[in-house]
Amino acid sequence: MQYFDLIFTLHAQDQLRNRGIKISEAWETFKHPLRTQKGKYGGLEFEREFDNYKITVVAIQNNKNEWIVKSVWRNPPLLGTADAKQKESWKKYNKSGLWGKIWITIKQQIGF
């Protein structure tokens, strides 16, 4: 999918939908970032703050010099999304002692 001069991979489109991010917010972040840095796995990370959250867009240029959006996320994540649940689980895990971490790991491995 293309939005103005950005091309979104299927993965990035899914992330927009699942994370409650408007495509216009991703485009605005790319065009007018407050911060840009090299991404962990290649490409560039563009960050922009909106009211009370931050959007990050990861994009690379292809051989035609077109910008391809690989990933998009928001921090803090929207309540009820998989990202929010994962963040809460991570907080709970980090606050746990040794036996709590073992118990959480066992529950995850058996599907609870």
PDB file of N, CA and C in Angstrom:
ATOM      1  N   MET A   1       0.838  -1.163   0.000  1.00  0.00           N
ATOM      2  CA  MET A   1       0.000   0.000   0.000  1.00  0.00           C
ATOM      3  C   MET A   1       0.892   1.238   0.000  1.00  0.00           C
ATOM      4  N   GLN A   2       0.499   2.235  -0.739  1.00  0.00           N
ATOM      5  CA  GLN A   2       1.266   3.469  -0.809  1.00  0.00           C
ATOM      6  C   GLN A   2       0.433   4.609  -0.240  1.00  0.00           C
ATOM      7  N   TYR A   3       1.073   5.456   0.544  1.00  0.00           N
ATOM      8  CA  TYR A   3       0.449   6.655   1.094  1.00  0.00           C
ATOM      9  C   TYR A   3       1.405   7.799   0.806  1.00  0.00           C
ATOM     10  N   PHE A   4       1.013   8.670  -0.078  1.00  0.00           N
ATOM     11  CA  PHE A   4       1.879   9.709  -0.604  1.00  0.00           C
ATOM     12  C   PHE A   4       3.170   9.072  -1.099  1.00  0.00           C
ATOM     13  N   ASP A   5       4.316   9.418  -0.504  1.00  0.00           N
ATOM     14  CA  ASP A   5       5.582   8.891  -1.004  1.00  0.00           C
ATOM     15  C   ASP A   5       6.115   7.727  -0.174  1.00  0.00           C
ATOM     16  N   LEU A   6       5.293   7.146   0.690  1.00  0.00           N
ATOM     17  CA  LEU A   6       5.706   6.001   1.504  1.00  0.00           C
ATOM     18  C   LEU A   6       5.015   4.731   1.029  1.00  0.00           C
ATOM     19  N   ILE A   7       5.756   3.639   1.039  1.00  0.00           N
ATOM     20  CA  ILE A   7       5.190   2.327   0.714  1.00  0.00           C
ATOM     21  C   ILE A   7       5.206   1.508   2.005  1.00  0.00           C
ATOM     22  N   PHE A   8       4.057   0.958   2.375  1.00  0.00           N
ATOM     23  CA  PHE A   8       3.928   0.182   3.604  1.00  0.00           C
ATOM     24  C   PHE A   8       3.908  -1.302   3.278  1.00  0.00           C
ATOM     25  N   THR A   9       4.783  -2.059   3.946  1.00  0.00           N
ATOM     26  CA  THR A   9       4.766  -3.514   3.784  1.00  0.00           C
ATOM     27  C   THR A   9       3.472  -4.048   4.406  1.00  0.00           C
ATOM     28  N   LEU A  10       3.131  -5.290   4.100  1.00  0.00           N
ATOM     29  CA  LEU A  10       1.951  -5.910   4.709  1.00  0.00           C
ATOM     30  C   LEU A  10       2.103  -5.962   6.227  1.00  0.00           C
ATOM     31  N   HIS A  11       3.320  -6.243   6.685  1.00  0.00           N
ATOM     32  CA  HIS A  11       3.597  -6.283   8.124  1.00  0.00           C
ATOM     33  C   HIS A  11       3.309  -4.926   8.761  1.00  0.00           C
ATOM     34  N   ALA A  12       3.773  -3.856   8.143  1.00  0.00           N
ATOM     35  CA  ALA A  12       3.547  -2.509   8.672  1.00  0.00           C
ATOM     36  C   ALA A  12       2.054  -2.163   8.643  1.00  0.00           C
ATOM     37  N   GLN A  13       1.337  -2.587   7.617  1.00  0.00           N
ATOM     38  CA  GLN A  13      -0.100  -2.345   7.543  1.00  0.00           C
ATOM     39  C   GLN A  13      -0.831  -3.052   8.683  1.00  0.00           C
ATOM     40  N   ASP A  14      -0.425  -4.285   8.965  1.00  0.00           N
ATOM     41  CA  ASP A  14      -1.011  -5.029  10.095  1.00  0.00           C
ATOM     42  C   ASP A  14      -0.734  -4.308  11.404  1.00  0.00           C
ATOM     43  N   GLN A  15       0.488  -3.817  11.557  1.00  0.00           N
ATOM     44  CA  GLN A  15       0.842  -3.113  12.786  1.00  0.00           C
ATOM     45  C   GLN A  15       0.015  -1.844  12.957  1.00  0.00           C
ATOM     46  N   LEU A  16      -0.181  -1.094  11.887  1.00  0.00           N
ATOM     47  CA  LEU A  16      -1.026   0.102  11.961  1.00  0.00           C
ATOM     48  C   LEU A  16      -2.409  -0.263  12.485  1.00  0.00           C
ATOM     49  N   ARG A  17      -2.986  -1.295  11.895  1.00  0.00           N
ATOM     50  CA  ARG A  17      -4.331  -1.727  12.247  1.00  0.00           C
ATOM     51  C   ARG A  17      -4.391  -2.256  13.691  1.00  0.00           C
ATOM     52  N   ASN A  18      -3.471  -3.145  14.039  1.00  0.00           N
ATOM     53  CA  ASN A  18      -3.498  -3.785  15.354  1.00  0.00           C
ATOM     54  C   ASN A  18      -3.102  -2.852  16.487  1.00  0.00           C
ATOM     55  N   ARG A  19      -2.338  -1.825  16.182  1.00  0.00           N
ATOM     56  CA  ARG A  19      -1.845  -0.924  17.224  1.00  0.00           C
ATOM     57  C   ARG A  19      -2.614   0.389  17.291  1.00  0.00           C
ATOM     58  N   GLY A  20      -3.646   0.515  16.461  1.00  0.00           N
ATOM     59  CA  GLY A  20      -4.480   1.714  16.503  1.00  0.00           C
ATOM     60  C   GLY A  20      -3.771   2.976  16.074  1.00  0.00           C
ATOM     61  N   ILE A  21      -2.891   2.848  15.093  1.00  0.00           N
ATOM     62  CA  ILE A  21      -2.130   3.998  14.601  1.00  0.00           C
ATOM     63  C   ILE A  21      -2.713   4.425  13.257  1.00  0.00           C
ATOM     64  N   LYS A  22      -2.963   5.714  13.116  1.00  0.00           N
ATOM     65  CA  LYS A  22      -3.464   6.241  11.847  1.00  0.00           C
ATOM     66  C   LYS A  22      -2.308   6.315  10.858  1.00  0.00           C
ATOM     67  N   ILE A  23      -2.601   6.027   9.595  1.00  0.00           N
ATOM     68  CA  ILE A  23      -1.559   6.089   8.569  1.00  0.00           C
ATOM     69  C   ILE A  23      -1.034   7.522   8.443  1.00  0.00           C
ATOM     70  N   SER A  24      -1.893   8.494   8.682  1.00  0.00           N
ATOM     71  CA  SER A  24      -1.458   9.894   8.617  1.00  0.00           C
ATOM     72  C   SER A  24      -0.445  10.211   9.727  1.00  0.00           C
ATOM     73  N   GLU A  25      -0.590   9.561  10.898  1.00  0.00           N
ATOM     74  CA  GLU A  25       0.383   9.756  11.974  1.00  0.00           C
ATOM     75  C   GLU A  25       1.736   9.172  11.588  1.00  0.00           C
ATOM     76  N   ALA A  26       1.722   8.008  10.940  1.00  0.00           N
ATOM     77  CA  ALA A  26       2.975   7.397  10.486  1.00  0.00           C
ATOM     78  C   ALA A  26       3.653   8.290   9.444  1.00  0.00           C
ATOM     79  N   TRP A  27       2.870   8.810   8.510  1.00  0.00           N
ATOM     80  CA  TRP A  27       3.421   9.682   7.468  1.00  0.00           C
ATOM     81  C   TRP A  27       3.982  10.961   8.087  1.00  0.00           C
ATOM     82  N   GLU A  28       3.241  11.566   9.018  1.00  0.00           N
ATOM     83  CA  GLU A  28       3.689  12.786   9.699  1.00  0.00           C
ATOM     84  C   GLU A  28       4.988  12.533  10.462  1.00  0.00           C
ATOM     85  N   THR A  29       5.076  11.360  11.101  1.00  0.00           N
ATOM     86  CA  THR A  29       6.286  10.991  11.839  1.00  0.00           C
ATOM     87  C   THR A  29       7.475  10.897  10.900  1.00  0.00           C
ATOM     88  N   PHE A  30       7.276  10.270   9.746  1.00  0.00           N
ATOM     89  CA  PHE A  30       8.340  10.123   8.760  1.00  0.00           C
ATOM     90  C   PHE A  30       8.766  11.478   8.196  1.00  0.00           C
ATOM     91  N   LYS A  31       7.800  12.321   7.859  1.00  0.00           N
ATOM     92  CA  LYS A  31       8.093  13.603   7.211  1.00  0.00           C
ATOM     93  C   LYS A  31       8.659  14.655   8.166  1.00  0.00           C
ATOM     94  N   HIS A  32       8.215  14.633   9.421  1.00  0.00           N
ATOM     95  CA  HIS A  32       8.612  15.666  10.381  1.00  0.00           C
ATOM     96  C   HIS A  32       9.008  15.030  11.713  1.00  0.00           C
ATOM     97  N   PRO A  33      10.058  14.220  11.707  1.00  0.00           N
ATOM     98  CA  PRO A  33      10.455  13.561  12.957  1.00  0.00           C
ATOM     99  C   PRO A  33      11.108  14.542  13.927  1.00  0.00           C
ATOM    100  N   LEU A  34      10.949  14.247  15.203  1.00  0.00           N
ATOM    101  CA  LEU A  34      11.682  15.003  16.222  1.00  0.00           C
ATOM    102  C   LEU A  34      13.058  14.392  16.431  1.00  0.00           C
ATOM    103  N   ARG A  35      13.162  13.100  16.082  1.00  0.00           N
ATOM    104  CA  ARG A  35      14.432  12.403  16.240  1.00  0.00           C
ATOM    105  C   ARG A  35      14.523  11.324  15.181  1.00  0.00           C
ATOM    106  N   THR A  36      15.727  11.148  14.640  1.00  0.00           N
ATOM    107  CA  THR A  36      15.997  10.092  13.673  1.00  0.00           C
ATOM    108  C   THR A  36      17.273   9.392  14.102  1.00  0.00           C
ATOM    109  N   GLN A  37      17.253   8.066  14.028  1.00  0.00           N
ATOM    110  CA  GLN A  37      18.450   7.304  14.381  1.00  0.00           C
ATOM    111  C   GLN A  37      18.504   6.035  13.544  1.00  0.00           C
ATOM    112  N   LYS A  38      19.685   5.453  13.499  1.00  0.00           N
ATOM    113  CA  LYS A  38      19.847   4.203  12.776  1.00  0.00           C
ATOM    114  C   LYS A  38      19.107   3.104  13.530  1.00  0.00           C
ATOM    115  N   GLY A  39      18.365   2.285  12.786  1.00  0.00           N
ATOM    116  CA  GLY A  39      17.610   1.200  13.394  1.00  0.00           C
ATOM    117  C   GLY A  39      18.502   0.048  13.813  1.00  0.00           C
ATOM    118  N   LYS A  40      18.018  -0.768  14.734  1.00  0.00           N
ATOM    119  CA  LYS A  40      18.790  -1.902  15.239  1.00  0.00           C
ATOM    120  C   LYS A  40      19.070  -2.928  14.140  1.00  0.00           C
ATOM    121  N   TYR A  41      18.123  -3.101  13.226  1.00  0.00           N
ATOM    122  CA  TYR A  41      18.254  -4.132  12.194  1.00  0.00           C
ATOM    123  C   TYR A  41      18.322  -3.530  10.804  1.00  0.00           C
ATOM    124  N   GLY A  42      18.865  -2.345  10.700  1.00  0.00           N
ATOM    125  CA  GLY A  42      18.979  -1.669   9.415  1.00  0.00           C
ATOM    126  C   GLY A  42      17.869  -0.646   9.245  1.00  0.00           C
ATOM    127  N   GLY A  43      18.023   0.206   8.287  1.00  0.00           N
ATOM    128  CA  GLY A  43      17.045   1.254   8.065  1.00  0.00           C
ATOM    129  C   GLY A  43      17.201   2.374   9.069  1.00  0.00           C
ATOM    130  N   LEU A  44      16.230   3.257   9.077  1.00  0.00           N
ATOM    131  CA  LEU A  44      16.224   4.387   9.991  1.00  0.00           C
ATOM    132  C   LEU A  44      14.955   4.371  10.822  1.00  0.00           C
ATOM    133  N   GLU A  45      15.076   4.814  12.067  1.00  0.00           N
ATOM    134  CA  GLU A  45      13.923   4.972  12.949  1.00  0.00           C
ATOM    135  C   GLU A  45      13.590   6.455  13.028  1.00  0.00           C
ATOM    136  N   PHE A  46      12.350   6.781  12.741  1.00  0.00           N
ATOM    137  CA  PHE A  46      11.857   8.149  12.814  1.00  0.00           C
ATOM    138  C   PHE A  46      10.885   8.223  13.986  1.00  0.00           C
ATOM    139  N   GLU A  47      11.072   9.193  14.884  1.00  0.00           N
ATOM    140  CA  GLU A  47      10.210   9.323  16.056  1.00  0.00           C
ATOM    141  C   GLU A  47       9.573  10.695  16.103  1.00  0.00           C
ATOM    142  N   ARG A  48       8.327  10.713  16.531  1.00  0.00           N
ATOM    143  CA  ARG A  48       7.604  11.977  16.695  1.00  0.00           C
ATOM    144  C   ARG A  48       6.619  11.814  17.845  1.00  0.00           C
ATOM    145  N   GLU A  49       6.500  12.868  18.643  1.00  0.00           N
ATOM    146  CA  GLU A  49       5.557  12.856  19.751  1.00  0.00           C
ATOM    147  C   GLU A  49       4.261  13.521  19.332  1.00  0.00           C
ATOM    148  N   PHE A  50       3.171  12.883  19.716  1.00  0.00           N
ATOM    149  CA  PHE A  50       1.842  13.445  19.545  1.00  0.00           C
ATOM    150  C   PHE A  50       1.344  13.768  20.956  1.00  0.00           C
ATOM    151  N   ASP A  51       0.105  14.069  21.147  1.00  0.00           N
ATOM    152  CA  ASP A  51      -0.410  14.529  22.450  1.00  0.00           C
ATOM    153  C   ASP A  51       0.267  13.855  23.642  1.00  0.00           C
ATOM    154  N   ASN A  52      -0.028  12.600  23.874  1.00  0.00           N
ATOM    155  CA  ASN A  52       0.529  11.920  25.046  1.00  0.00           C
ATOM    156  C   ASN A  52       1.146  10.570  24.679  1.00  0.00           C
ATOM    157  N   TYR A  53       1.598  10.464  23.447  1.00  0.00           N
ATOM    158  CA  TYR A  53       2.234   9.234  22.995  1.00  0.00           C
ATOM    159  C   TYR A  53       3.253   9.538  21.908  1.00  0.00           C
ATOM    160  N   LYS A  54       4.109   8.556  21.653  1.00  0.00           N
ATOM    161  CA  LYS A  54       5.169   8.699  20.653  1.00  0.00           C
ATOM    162  C   LYS A  54       4.969   7.623  19.588  1.00  0.00           C
ATOM    163  N   ILE A  55       5.141   7.989  18.336  1.00  0.00           N
ATOM    164  CA  ILE A  55       5.082   7.053  17.212  1.00  0.00           C
ATOM    165  C   ILE A  55       6.504   6.861  16.695  1.00  0.00           C
ATOM    166  N   THR A  56       6.862   5.607  16.417  1.00  0.00           N
ATOM    167  CA  THR A  56       8.144   5.286  15.802  1.00  0.00           C
ATOM    168  C   THR A  56       7.870   4.562  14.489  1.00  0.00           C
ATOM    169  N   VAL A  57       8.526   5.008  13.431  1.00  0.00           N
ATOM    170  CA  VAL A  57       8.418   4.411  12.105  1.00  0.00           C
ATOM    171  C   VAL A  57       9.806   3.933  11.696  1.00  0.00           C
ATOM    172  N   VAL A  58       9.897   2.678  11.273  1.00  0.00           N
ATOM    173  CA  VAL A  58      11.164   2.136  10.776  1.00  0.00           C
ATOM    174  C   VAL A  58      11.023   1.987   9.262  1.00  0.00           C
ATOM    175  N   ALA A  59      11.926   2.628   8.527  1.00  0.00           N
ATOM    176  CA  ALA A  59      11.848   2.615   7.066  1.00  0.00           C
ATOM    177  C   ALA A  59      13.233   2.437   6.447  1.00  0.00           C
ATOM    178  N   ILE A  60      13.233   1.869   5.252  1.00  0.00           N
ATOM    179  CA  ILE A  60      14.465   1.698   4.475  1.00  0.00           C
ATOM    180  C   ILE A  60      14.210   2.210   3.062  1.00  0.00           C
ATOM    181  N   GLN A  61      15.289   2.520   2.378  1.00  0.00           N
ATOM    182  CA  GLN A  61      15.172   2.905   0.973  1.00  0.00           C
ATOM    183  C   GLN A  61      15.524   1.717   0.099  1.00  0.00           C
ATOM    184  N   ASN A  62      14.711   1.511  -0.947  1.00  0.00           N
ATOM    185  CA  ASN A  62      15.029   0.436  -1.882  1.00  0.00           C
ATOM    186  C   ASN A  62      15.961   0.960  -2.980  1.00  0.00           C
ATOM    187  N   ASN A  63      16.255   0.119  -3.965  1.00  0.00           N
ATOM    188  CA  ASN A  63      17.193   0.515  -5.017  1.00  0.00           C
ATOM    189  C   ASN A  63      16.635   1.596  -5.946  1.00  0.00           C
ATOM    190  N   LYS A  64      15.343   1.897  -5.856  1.00  0.00           N
ATOM    191  CA  LYS A  64      14.731   2.974  -6.632  1.00  0.00           C
ATOM    192  C   LYS A  64      14.625   4.260  -5.799  1.00  0.00           C
ATOM    193  N   ASN A  65      15.260   4.249  -4.609  1.00  0.00           N
ATOM    194  CA  ASN A  65      15.209   5.367  -3.661  1.00  0.00           C
ATOM    195  C   ASN A  65      13.803   5.653  -3.134  1.00  0.00           C
ATOM    196  N   GLU A  66      12.940   4.630  -3.143  1.00  0.00           N
ATOM    197  CA  GLU A  66      11.616   4.749  -2.548  1.00  0.00           C
ATOM    198  C   GLU A  66      11.722   4.339  -1.076  1.00  0.00           C
ATOM    199  N   TRP A  67      10.955   4.996  -0.223  1.00  0.00           N
ATOM    200  CA  TRP A  67      10.960   4.662   1.194  1.00  0.00           C
ATOM    201  C   TRP A  67       9.924   3.587   1.480  1.00  0.00           C
ATOM    202  N   ILE A  68      10.390   2.510   2.106  1.00  0.00           N
ATOM    203  CA  ILE A  68       9.556   1.363   2.457  1.00  0.00           C
ATOM    204  C   ILE A  68       9.438   1.328   3.983  1.00  0.00           C
ATOM    205  N   VAL A  69       8.209   1.394   4.502  1.00  0.00           N
ATOM    206  CA  VAL A  69       7.979   1.312   5.942  1.00  0.00           C
ATOM    207  C   VAL A  69       7.895  -0.159   6.332  1.00  0.00           C
ATOM    208  N   LYS A  70       8.818  -0.575   7.210  1.00  0.00           N
ATOM    209  CA  LYS A  70       8.884  -1.968   7.658  1.00  0.00           C
ATOM    210  C   LYS A  70       8.123  -2.197   8.954  1.00  0.00           C
ATOM    211  N   SER A  71       8.099  -1.191   9.821  1.00  0.00           N
ATOM    212  CA  SER A  71       7.499  -1.372  11.133  1.00  0.00           C
ATOM    213  C   SER A  71       7.028  -0.035  11.689  1.00  0.00           C
ATOM    214  N   VAL A  72       5.976  -0.096  12.519  1.00  0.00           N
ATOM    215  CA  VAL A  72       5.421   1.098  13.151  1.00  0.00           C
ATOM    216  C   VAL A  72       4.924   0.690  14.535  1.00  0.00           C
ATOM    217  N   TRP A  73       5.234   1.510  15.549  1.00  0.00           N
ATOM    218  CA  TRP A  73       4.659   1.244  16.857  1.00  0.00           C
ATOM    219  C   TRP A  73       4.423   2.532  17.596  1.00  0.00           C
ATOM    220  N   ARG A  74       3.697   2.398  18.693  1.00  0.00           N
ATOM    221  CA  ARG A  74       3.335   3.554  19.508  1.00  0.00           C
ATOM    222  C   ARG A  74       3.695   3.248  20.952  1.00  0.00           C
ATOM    223  N   ASN A  75       4.135   4.292  21.677  1.00  0.00           N
ATOM    224  CA  ASN A  75       4.489   4.126  23.070  1.00  0.00           C
ATOM    225  C   ASN A  75       3.947   5.306  23.860  1.00  0.00           C
ATOM    226  N   PRO A  76       3.143   5.116  24.882  1.00  0.00           N
ATOM    227  CA  PRO A  76       2.677   3.830  25.362  1.00  0.00           C
ATOM    228  C   PRO A  76       1.640   3.238  24.408  1.00  0.00           C
ATOM    229  N   PRO A  77       1.540   1.917  24.411  1.00  0.00           N
ATOM    230  CA  PRO A  77       0.565   1.272  23.523  1.00  0.00           C
ATOM    231  C   PRO A  77      -0.867   1.540  23.979  1.00  0.00           C
ATOM    232  N   LEU A  78      -1.795   1.424  23.049  1.00  0.00           N
ATOM    233  CA  LEU A  78      -3.209   1.581  23.382  1.00  0.00           C
ATOM    234  C   LEU A  78      -3.649   0.459  24.312  1.00  0.00           C
ATOM    235  N   LEU A  79      -4.482   0.788  25.288  1.00  0.00           N
ATOM    236  CA  LEU A  79      -5.000  -0.220  26.200  1.00  0.00           C
ATOM    237  C   LEU A  79      -5.794  -1.273  25.426  1.00  0.00           C
ATOM    238  N   GLY A  80      -5.646  -2.512  25.818  1.00  0.00           N
ATOM    239  CA  GLY A  80      -6.389  -3.601  25.191  1.00  0.00           C
ATOM    240  C   GLY A  80      -5.691  -4.228  24.002  1.00  0.00           C
ATOM    241  N   THR A  81      -4.617  -3.611  23.504  1.00  0.00           N
ATOM    242  CA  THR A  81      -3.900  -4.183  22.368  1.00  0.00           C
ATOM    243  C   THR A  81      -2.919  -5.240  22.865  1.00  0.00           C
ATOM    244  N   ALA A  82      -2.455  -6.061  21.954  1.00  0.00           N
ATOM    245  CA  ALA A  82      -1.467  -7.088  22.303  1.00  0.00           C
ATOM    246  C   ALA A  82      -0.197  -6.456  22.855  1.00  0.00           C
ATOM    247  N   ASP A  83       0.186  -5.295  22.328  1.00  0.00           N
ATOM    248  CA  ASP A  83       1.377  -4.596  22.820  1.00  0.00           C
ATOM    249  C   ASP A  83       1.211  -4.190  24.282  1.00  0.00           C
ATOM    250  N   ALA A  84       0.019  -3.690  24.643  1.00  0.00           N
ATOM    251  CA  ALA A  84      -0.229  -3.276  26.020  1.00  0.00           C
ATOM    252  C   ALA A  84      -0.173  -4.474  26.961  1.00  0.00           C
ATOM    253  N   LYS A  85      -0.763  -5.591  26.535  1.00  0.00           N
ATOM    254  CA  LYS A  85      -0.738  -6.811  27.352  1.00  0.00           C
ATOM    255  C   LYS A  85       0.689  -7.318  27.524  1.00  0.00           C
ATOM    256  N   GLN A  86       1.475  -7.267  26.458  1.00  0.00           N
ATOM    257  CA  GLN A  86       2.864  -7.710  26.526  1.00  0.00           C
ATOM    258  C   GLN A  86       3.668  -6.812  27.465  1.00  0.00           C
ATOM    259  N   LYS A  87       3.427  -5.504  27.409  1.00  0.00           N
ATOM    260  CA  LYS A  87       4.138  -4.566  28.275  1.00  0.00           C
ATOM    261  C   LYS A  87       3.808  -4.836  29.741  1.00  0.00           C
ATOM    262  N   GLU A  88       2.531  -5.074  30.037  1.00  0.00           N
ATOM    263  CA  GLU A  88       2.123  -5.383  31.416  1.00  0.00           C
ATOM    264  C   GLU A  88       2.750  -6.686  31.898  1.00  0.00           C
ATOM    265  N   SER A  89       2.782  -7.694  31.025  1.00  0.00           N
ATOM    266  CA  SER A  89       3.405  -8.971  31.385  1.00  0.00           C
ATOM    267  C   SER A  89       4.882  -8.788  31.685  1.00  0.00           C
ATOM    268  N   TRP A  90       5.539  -7.972  30.890  1.00  0.00           N
ATOM    269  CA  TRP A  90       6.968  -7.724  31.083  1.00  0.00           C
ATOM    270  C   TRP A  90       7.210  -7.013  32.411  1.00  0.00           C
ATOM    271  N   LYS A  91       6.371  -6.016  32.740  1.00  0.00           N
ATOM    272  CA  LYS A  91       6.497  -5.315  34.019  1.00  0.00           C
ATOM    273  C   LYS A  91       6.335  -6.295  35.184  1.00  0.00           C
ATOM    274  N   LYS A  92       5.312  -7.147  35.083  1.00  0.00           N
ATOM    275  CA  LYS A  92       5.043  -8.121  36.142  1.00  0.00           C
ATOM    276  C   LYS A  92       6.219  -9.082  36.294  1.00  0.00           C
ATOM    277  N   TYR A  93       6.767  -9.527  35.170  1.00  0.00           N
ATOM    278  CA  TYR A  93       7.907 -10.442  35.187  1.00  0.00           C
ATOM    279  C   TYR A  93       9.118  -9.776  35.853  1.00  0.00           C
ATOM    280  N   ASN A  94       9.402  -8.541  35.466  1.00  0.00           N
ATOM    281  CA  ASN A  94      10.566  -7.825  36.012  1.00  0.00           C
ATOM    282  C   ASN A  94      10.452  -7.568  37.510  1.00  0.00           C
ATOM    283  N   LYS A  95       9.236  -7.366  38.005  1.00  0.00           N
ATOM    284  CA  LYS A  95       9.037  -7.105  39.433  1.00  0.00           C
ATOM    285  C   LYS A  95       9.086  -8.385  40.267  1.00  0.00           C
ATOM    286  N   SER A  96       8.953  -9.533  39.624  1.00  0.00           N
ATOM    287  CA  SER A  96       8.903 -10.813  40.339  1.00  0.00           C
ATOM    288  C   SER A  96      10.286 -11.223  40.832  1.00  0.00           C
ATOM    289  N   GLY A  97      10.261 -12.004  41.899  1.00  0.00           N
ATOM    290  CA  GLY A  97      11.490 -12.612  42.383  1.00  0.00           C
ATOM    291  C   GLY A  97      11.809 -13.844  41.553  1.00  0.00           C
ATOM    292  N   LEU A  98      12.818 -14.580  41.956  1.00  0.00           N
ATOM    293  CA  LEU A  98      13.262 -15.759  41.210  1.00  0.00           C
ATOM    294  C   LEU A  98      12.136 -16.767  41.018  1.00  0.00           C
ATOM    295  N   TRP A  99      11.446 -17.142  42.107  1.00  0.00           N
ATOM    296  CA  TRP A  99      10.389 -18.154  41.987  1.00  0.00           C
ATOM    297  C   TRP A  99       9.207 -17.637  41.178  1.00  0.00           C
ATOM    298  N   GLY A 100       8.926 -16.346  41.294  1.00  0.00           N
ATOM    299  CA  GLY A 100       7.858 -15.760  40.490  1.00  0.00           C
ATOM    300  C   GLY A 100       8.184 -15.820  39.007  1.00  0.00           C
ATOM    301  N   LYS A 101       9.430 -15.542  38.667  1.00  0.00           N
ATOM    302  CA  LYS A 101       9.859 -15.601  37.264  1.00  0.00           C
ATOM    303  C   LYS A 101       9.791 -17.034  36.746  1.00  0.00           C
ATOM    304  N   ILE A 102      10.190 -17.976  37.572  1.00  0.00           N
ATOM    305  CA  ILE A 102      10.111 -19.386  37.165  1.00  0.00           C
ATOM    306  C   ILE A 102       8.654 -19.771  36.926  1.00  0.00           C
ATOM    307  N   TRP A 103       7.760 -19.375  37.850  1.00  0.00           N
ATOM    308  CA  TRP A 103       6.348 -19.711  37.720  1.00  0.00           C
ATOM    309  C   TRP A 103       5.741 -19.073  36.464  1.00  0.00           C
ATOM    310  N   ILE A 104       6.052 -17.810  36.203  1.00  0.00           N
ATOM    311  CA  ILE A 104       5.554 -17.120  35.002  1.00  0.00           C
ATOM    312  C   ILE A 104       6.050 -17.831  33.746  1.00  0.00           C
ATOM    313  N   THR A 105       7.311 -18.229  33.726  1.00  0.00           N
ATOM    314  CA  THR A 105       7.885 -18.924  32.568  1.00  0.00           C
ATOM    315  C   THR A 105       7.195 -20.261  32.340  1.00  0.00           C
ATOM    316  N   ILE A 106       6.952 -21.005  33.414  1.00  0.00           N
ATOM    317  CA  ILE A 106       6.267 -22.305  33.288  1.00  0.00           C
ATOM    318  C   ILE A 106       4.856 -22.095  32.748  1.00  0.00           C
ATOM    319  N   LYS A 107       4.129 -21.114  33.283  1.00  0.00           N
ATOM    320  CA  LYS A 107       2.764 -20.840  32.806  1.00  0.00           C
ATOM    321  C   LYS A 107       2.751 -20.478  31.325  1.00  0.00           C
ATOM    322  N   GLN A 108       3.719 -19.688  30.886  1.00  0.00           N
ATOM    323  CA  GLN A 108       3.788 -19.305  29.470  1.00  0.00           C
ATOM    324  C   GLN A 108       4.057 -20.520  28.593  1.00  0.00           C
ATOM    325  N   GLN A 109       4.927 -21.399  29.056  1.00  0.00           N
ATOM    326  CA  GLN A 109       5.297 -22.563  28.251  1.00  0.00           C
ATOM    327  C   GLN A 109       4.158 -23.563  28.122  1.00  0.00           C
ATOM    328  N   ILE A 110       3.271 -23.619  29.113  1.00  0.00           N
ATOM    329  CA  ILE A 110       2.149 -24.556  29.015  1.00  0.00           C
ATOM    330  C   ILE A 110       0.893 -23.877  28.476  1.00  0.00           C
ATOM    331  N   GLY A 111       0.998 -22.574  28.172  1.00  0.00           N
ATOM    332  CA  GLY A 111      -0.078 -21.884  27.476  1.00  0.00           C
ATOM    333  C   GLY A 111      -1.073 -21.155  28.355  1.00  0.00           C
ATOM    334  N   PHE A 112      -0.700 -20.800  29.562  1.00  0.00           N
ATOM    335  CA  PHE A 112      -1.600 -20.024  30.437  1.00  0.00           C
ATOM    336  C   PHE A 112      -1.244 -18.579  30.426  1.00  0.00           C
TER     337      PHE A 112
END
